[in-house]
Protein backbone atom coordinates (compact mmCIF):
# COMPACT_ATOMS: atom_id res chain seq x y z
CA MET A 1 35.59 29.57 9.46
CA PRO A 2 38.48 28.34 7.24
CA THR A 3 41.67 27.21 9.06
CA ALA A 4 44.97 28.91 8.46
CA LYS A 5 47.41 27.55 5.85
CA LEU A 6 50.04 25.56 7.64
CA ILE A 7 52.26 24.99 4.60
CA GLU A 8 52.19 26.88 1.34
CA VAL A 9 54.26 25.87 -1.66
CA GLU A 10 54.40 28.52 -4.38
CA ASN A 11 55.78 28.13 -7.90
CA VAL A 12 58.51 25.76 -6.92
CA HIS A 13 60.97 24.50 -9.53
CA ARG A 14 63.85 22.14 -9.17
CA TYR A 15 66.46 21.52 -11.86
CA PHE A 16 69.20 18.90 -12.05
CA GLY A 17 71.31 20.27 -14.88
CA ALA A 18 68.96 20.91 -17.74
CA VAL A 19 66.38 18.43 -16.39
CA ALA A 20 63.37 19.80 -14.62
CA ALA A 21 62.49 17.36 -11.76
CA VAL A 22 59.70 19.72 -10.48
CA ARG A 23 57.94 22.38 -12.53
CA ASP A 24 56.00 25.28 -11.17
CA LEU A 25 54.55 23.34 -8.23
CA SER A 26 52.03 25.14 -6.04
CA PHE A 27 49.74 23.76 -3.25
CA SER A 28 48.80 24.43 0.33
CA LEU A 29 47.79 22.41 3.37
CA HIS A 30 45.56 23.71 6.13
CA SER A 31 45.69 22.81 9.81
CA GLY A 32 43.98 19.46 10.53
CA GLU A 33 44.29 18.09 7.00
CA VAL A 34 45.80 14.79 6.01
CA LEU A 35 47.22 14.95 2.46
CA GLY A 36 48.00 11.84 0.38
CA PHE A 37 50.82 12.64 -2.02
CA LEU A 38 50.81 10.30 -5.03
CA GLY A 39 52.89 9.94 -8.16
CA PRO A 40 54.50 7.32 -10.37
CA ASN A 41 58.25 6.57 -10.10
CA GLY A 42 60.32 9.46 -11.35
CA ALA A 43 57.40 11.95 -11.18
CA GLY A 44 59.17 14.31 -8.75
CA LYS A 45 57.49 13.15 -5.56
CA SER A 46 60.68 12.43 -3.58
CA THR A 47 62.27 15.64 -4.79
CA THR A 48 59.26 17.64 -3.55
CA MET A 49 59.37 15.89 -0.19
CA ARG A 50 63.06 16.77 0.18
CA ILE A 51 62.35 20.40 -0.76
CA ILE A 52 59.49 20.89 1.73
CA THR A 53 61.45 19.34 4.53
CA GLY A 54 64.44 21.67 3.90
CA ASN A 55 66.77 18.80 2.81
CA LEU A 56 67.03 20.14 -0.74
CA ALA A 57 66.94 23.69 -1.96
CA ALA A 58 64.45 24.71 -4.59
CA SER A 59 65.86 26.27 -7.82
CA ALA A 60 63.00 28.79 -7.76
CA GLY A 61 59.81 29.43 -5.81
CA SER A 62 59.14 29.40 -2.10
CA VAL A 63 57.95 27.14 0.83
CA THR A 64 56.31 28.69 3.82
CA ILE A 65 55.55 26.67 6.99
CA GLY A 66 53.50 28.27 9.68
CA GLY A 67 54.23 31.71 8.21
CA TYR A 68 58.03 31.13 8.19
CA ASP A 69 59.85 31.13 4.89
CA LEU A 70 61.87 27.89 4.73
CA HIS A 71 64.71 29.59 2.89
CA ARG A 72 64.95 32.81 4.88
CA ASP A 73 64.08 31.40 8.34
CA PRO A 74 64.83 27.64 8.14
CA ILE A 75 65.25 26.99 11.85
CA ALA A 76 61.85 28.46 12.82
CA ALA A 77 60.12 26.72 9.88
CA ARG A 78 61.63 23.29 10.59
CA ARG A 79 60.71 23.50 14.26
CA LEU A 80 57.12 23.11 13.08
CA LEU A 81 57.61 19.88 11.18
CA GLY A 82 58.48 16.27 11.95
CA TYR A 83 59.81 14.00 9.23
CA LEU A 84 60.03 10.26 8.65
CA PRO A 85 62.03 9.58 5.46
CA ASP A 86 61.52 6.36 3.48
CA THR A 87 64.44 4.78 5.42
CA PRO A 88 63.87 5.53 9.17
CA PRO A 89 66.85 7.41 10.70
CA LEU A 90 67.36 4.98 13.57
CA TYR A 91 70.43 4.16 15.77
CA HIS A 92 70.10 0.41 16.06
CA ASP A 93 72.44 0.13 18.99
CA CYS A 94 70.21 2.32 21.20
CA THR A 95 67.08 1.16 23.05
CA VAL A 96 63.79 2.77 22.01
CA GLU A 97 63.81 5.07 25.04
CA GLU A 98 67.48 6.07 24.61
CA PHE A 99 66.91 6.90 20.96
CA LEU A 100 63.85 9.02 21.66
CA ARG A 101 65.57 10.89 24.46
CA TYR A 102 68.36 11.67 22.06
CA CYS A 103 65.91 12.92 19.45
CA GLY A 104 64.15 15.06 22.04
CA ARG A 105 67.45 16.71 23.02
CA LEU A 106 68.10 17.49 19.36
CA HIS A 107 64.93 19.46 19.50
CA ALA A 108 66.08 21.32 22.65
CA ILE A 109 63.71 19.46 24.97
CA ASN A 110 65.25 18.92 28.39
CA GLY A 111 64.51 17.86 31.98
CA SER A 112 61.01 16.83 32.96
CA GLN A 113 59.71 17.99 29.58
CA LEU A 114 61.90 15.54 27.86
CA SER A 115 60.72 12.58 29.98
CA ALA A 116 57.09 13.68 29.34
CA ALA A 117 57.76 13.97 25.57
CA VAL A 118 59.41 10.49 25.42
CA ASP A 119 56.57 8.90 27.42
CA ARG A 120 54.02 10.59 25.19
CA GLY A 121 55.70 9.42 21.96
CA ILE A 122 56.00 5.85 23.28
CA ASP A 123 52.33 5.82 24.33
CA ARG A 124 50.98 7.27 21.09
CA CYS A 125 53.03 4.92 18.92
CA GLY A 126 52.31 1.82 20.97
CA LEU A 127 55.89 1.20 22.01
CA GLY A 128 55.35 0.61 25.75
CA ASP A 129 56.24 -3.15 25.63
CA VAL A 130 59.53 -2.52 23.73
CA ARG A 131 60.80 0.78 25.21
CA SER A 132 63.83 -0.99 26.81
CA ARG A 133 64.64 -3.22 23.81
CA LEU A 134 67.46 -2.46 21.30
CA ILE A 135 66.05 -1.07 18.06
CA ALA A 136 68.12 -3.67 16.18
CA HIS A 137 66.04 -6.45 17.78
CA LEU A 138 62.64 -4.95 16.76
CA SER A 139 60.54 -6.04 13.80
CA LYS A 140 60.32 -3.66 10.84
CA GLY A 141 56.79 -2.64 11.93
CA TYR A 142 58.02 -1.63 15.36
CA GLN A 143 61.05 0.21 13.85
CA GLN A 144 58.57 2.21 11.67
CA ARG A 145 56.70 3.07 14.88
CA VAL A 146 59.97 4.29 16.43
CA GLY A 147 60.53 6.37 13.30
CA ILE A 148 57.10 7.98 13.65
CA ALA A 149 57.76 8.59 17.38
CA GLN A 150 60.96 10.52 16.60
CA ALA A 151 59.09 12.58 14.07
CA ILE A 152 56.47 13.66 16.68
CA ILE A 153 58.68 13.82 19.75
CA HIS A 154 58.59 17.64 19.74
CA ASP A 155 54.85 17.80 19.03
CA PRO A 156 55.18 19.46 15.60
CA GLU A 157 52.16 20.96 13.80
CA LEU A 158 53.12 19.21 10.52
CA VAL A 159 54.15 15.58 10.18
CA ILE A 160 55.62 14.36 6.85
CA LEU A 161 55.76 10.58 6.32
CA ASP A 162 57.54 9.12 3.23
CA GLU A 163 56.36 5.64 2.35
CA PRO A 164 55.80 4.59 5.96
CA THR A 165 54.34 1.18 5.19
CA VAL A 166 56.79 -0.15 2.58
CA GLY A 167 57.99 -3.62 3.36
CA LEU A 168 55.46 -4.28 6.10
CA ASP A 169 53.15 -7.27 6.40
CA PRO A 170 49.34 -6.76 6.14
CA ARG A 171 48.86 -6.61 9.92
CA GLN A 172 51.71 -4.12 10.37
CA ILE A 173 50.31 -1.98 7.54
CA GLU A 174 46.96 -1.84 9.17
CA GLU A 175 48.54 -0.85 12.49
CA ILE A 176 50.53 1.93 10.91
CA ARG A 177 47.48 3.19 9.04
CA GLN A 178 45.56 3.38 12.28
CA LEU A 179 48.43 5.31 13.85
CA ILE A 180 48.48 7.81 10.97
CA SER A 181 44.73 8.26 11.32
CA GLU A 182 45.18 9.01 15.02
CA LEU A 183 47.94 11.45 14.16
CA GLY A 184 45.54 13.31 11.91
CA HIS A 185 43.41 14.23 14.95
CA SER A 186 46.14 16.48 16.42
CA HIS A 187 48.56 17.19 13.58
CA SER A 188 48.44 18.01 9.85
CA VAL A 189 50.01 15.13 7.89
CA ILE A 190 51.55 14.75 4.47
CA LEU A 191 51.66 11.09 3.52
CA SER A 192 53.77 10.19 0.51
CA THR A 193 52.79 6.76 -0.76
CA HIS A 194 52.32 4.66 -3.87
CA ILE A 195 49.43 2.69 -2.26
CA LEU A 196 46.17 4.26 -3.41
CA SER A 197 44.03 2.42 -0.90
CA GLU A 198 46.19 3.87 1.84
CA VAL A 199 45.18 7.36 0.74
CA GLN A 200 41.51 6.44 0.64
CA ALA A 201 41.79 4.89 4.12
CA VAL A 202 43.46 7.68 6.06
CA CYS A 203 43.60 10.89 4.03
CA SER A 204 41.21 13.91 3.76
CA HIS A 205 42.93 15.32 0.64
CA VAL A 206 44.84 13.87 -2.29
CA GLN A 207 47.27 15.28 -4.77
CA ILE A 208 48.97 13.62 -7.71
CA ILE A 209 52.23 14.73 -9.34
CA ASN A 210 53.25 13.55 -12.85
CA ARG A 211 56.43 14.49 -14.76
CA GLY A 212 57.13 17.18 -12.19
CA GLU A 213 53.84 18.88 -12.46
CA LEU A 214 50.78 18.80 -10.17
CA VAL A 215 47.81 17.16 -12.03
CA LEU A 216 45.40 16.88 -9.10
CA HIS A 217 44.88 18.57 -5.74
CA SER A 218 41.51 17.95 -4.19
CA PRO A 219 39.62 16.95 -1.04
CA LEU A 220 38.67 13.27 -1.41
CA ALA A 221 35.03 14.20 -0.79
CA GLU A 222 35.09 16.48 -3.82
CA LEU A 223 36.24 13.68 -6.12
CA ASP A 224 32.82 12.12 -6.05
CA PRO A 225 31.37 14.49 -8.60
CA VAL A 226 34.40 13.89 -10.85
CA LEU A 227 34.00 10.19 -10.66
CA ALA A 228 30.17 10.53 -11.20
CA LYS A 229 30.74 12.12 -14.59
CA GLN A 230 31.88 8.81 -16.02
CA PRO A 231 29.42 7.09 -18.39
CA HIS A 232 26.93 4.40 -17.37
CA GLN A 233 27.45 1.02 -19.07
CA VAL A 234 24.21 -0.22 -20.71
CA GLU A 235 23.31 -3.49 -22.49
CA PHE A 236 20.07 -4.25 -24.48
CA GLN A 237 18.66 -7.49 -25.77
CA THR A 238 17.53 -5.71 -28.97
CA PRO A 239 19.80 -2.70 -29.17
CA PRO A 240 18.38 0.62 -30.48
CA SER A 241 20.35 2.91 -32.77
CA ILE A 242 22.59 5.56 -31.25
CA GLU A 243 20.30 8.23 -32.82
CA GLN A 244 17.28 6.82 -31.02
CA LEU A 245 19.06 7.06 -27.66
CA ARG A 246 20.36 10.54 -28.32
CA GLN A 247 16.85 11.76 -28.92
CA LEU A 248 15.76 10.81 -25.38
CA VAL A 249 15.42 13.61 -22.84
CA GLY A 250 18.12 13.56 -20.23
CA ILE A 251 20.78 11.80 -22.30
CA ASN A 252 23.84 13.94 -23.04
CA ASP A 253 26.01 11.58 -25.13
CA VAL A 254 26.01 8.01 -26.36
CA SER A 255 28.77 5.78 -27.71
CA VAL A 256 29.21 2.10 -28.49
CA LYS A 257 32.39 0.39 -27.34
CA GLU A 258 34.18 -2.55 -28.85
CA ASP A 259 32.67 -4.88 -26.22
CA GLY A 260 29.19 -4.10 -27.58
CA TYR A 261 28.10 -2.04 -24.53
CA PHE A 262 26.54 1.38 -24.83
CA HIS A 263 28.28 4.07 -22.78
CA ILE A 264 25.76 6.73 -21.90
CA ASN A 265 26.32 10.05 -20.19
CA PHE A 266 23.17 11.40 -18.52
CA THR A 267 22.52 15.10 -18.22
CA GLU A 268 22.84 16.36 -14.63
CA ASN A 269 19.70 17.12 -12.64
CA THR A 270 17.42 15.17 -15.02
CA SER A 271 15.52 11.88 -14.92
CA GLY A 272 17.42 10.48 -17.84
CA ILE A 273 17.59 7.00 -16.35
CA ASP A 274 13.78 6.94 -15.83
CA THR A 275 13.38 8.10 -19.44
CA LEU A 276 15.61 5.34 -20.70
CA LEU A 277 13.78 2.68 -18.69
CA ALA A 278 10.38 3.83 -20.05
CA ALA A 279 11.71 3.95 -23.67
CA SER A 280 13.21 0.50 -23.33
CA LEU A 281 9.94 -0.94 -22.11
CA GLU A 282 7.84 0.89 -24.72
CA ASN A 283 10.05 -0.09 -27.69
CA GLY A 284 10.96 -3.59 -26.63
CA TRP A 285 14.65 -2.99 -26.40
CA GLY A 286 14.93 -5.39 -23.48
CA LEU A 287 17.30 -3.54 -21.06
CA ARG A 288 19.64 -6.19 -19.62
CA GLN A 289 22.17 -4.17 -17.72
CA LEU A 290 22.51 -0.61 -16.45
CA THR A 291 25.74 -0.20 -14.48
CA ALA A 292 26.60 3.03 -12.66
CA PRO A 293 30.10 4.42 -13.10
CA GLN A 294 32.62 2.86 -10.71
CA LEU A 295 35.80 4.81 -11.50
CA SER A 296 38.18 4.26 -8.60
CA LEU A 297 40.98 6.39 -7.34
CA GLU A 298 43.31 3.90 -8.96
CA GLN A 299 41.67 4.38 -12.37
CA LEU A 300 41.73 8.13 -11.94
CA PHE A 301 45.41 7.92 -11.09
CA MET A 302 46.14 5.86 -14.17
CA GLN A 303 44.29 8.37 -16.37
CA LEU A 304 46.09 11.38 -14.93
CA THR A 305 49.53 9.82 -15.17
CA ASP A 306 49.15 8.23 -18.56
CA THR A 307 52.02 9.57 -20.54
CA SER A 308 51.53 7.47 -23.69
CA ALA A 309 49.85 10.36 -25.56
CA LEU A 310 52.02 13.10 -24.10
CA PRO A 311 55.01 14.63 -25.83
CA THR A 312 58.34 14.52 -24.04
CA PRO A 313 58.81 17.91 -22.34
CA ALA A 314 61.70 19.99 -23.67
CA PRO A 315 64.57 20.53 -21.24
CA ALA A 316 64.11 23.60 -19.20
CA GLU A 317 66.65 26.35 -18.68
CA GLU A 318 68.33 25.97 -15.25
CA THR A 319 67.51 28.70 -12.85
CA THR A 320 70.38 29.84 -10.60
């Protein structure tokens, strides 16, 4: 049975003067999903994050969190989310425990519930050894952990993390990724990042924004068929003609690239590769190489955000 939509963004626009930073953006996130939010610099990613956390009003459209409209009922909607901006909102003169207690009180947690919430946040974020230390004296990796702890202190259904691993060393990055993976077991998570491998490591879904418009929103598992549609790279000792290859059963299209390799698209649900192997043996073409498509998320990102062939969008009318 499908899970309920935890956040739903519908037809959101955001204008700065005549410039459209976000255009007609719509997507949803269900309970238990971890969404990787990608986009090149200036694509509208940060603007979108500010809108869905209630820190910036949309010019048009709506954001609903847990059934609460963020514009009409902002307090109820924001109770359901925790947010770590790209610069963690930390008070460096506080100890870890003091700061988390303060954050808990901001969320109206008091008494024994506050102590339990602080202990839970410290435990989940691996801060037990530094709970009594000043935040100013912590490494950047531990400061990020404190930032995540303040985002989950009130046990929100949705956790939004903006570039949580920027500036960390490789060991710290791995530790934060592990923490995000663990958060995904009990929370829905939106992870804004420019590190594609991070999305592949911890996310169940991915979306890409470019020039203010959503160009991809998909479960990672469903990207496999998209990537599989890429052509195979083939090399022969005695190359046949393109016409000879196109006549083979199971081959959909053939082209020759500048590097001399054939790029062959095989028809789905056929034995096109077996046909090619048999034809190569029968005709003495001497098949040297048959490489399956290896399009990565990084290559897909580059394709979807390539603006070299796109016209510059006309300025949009500002909506009031």
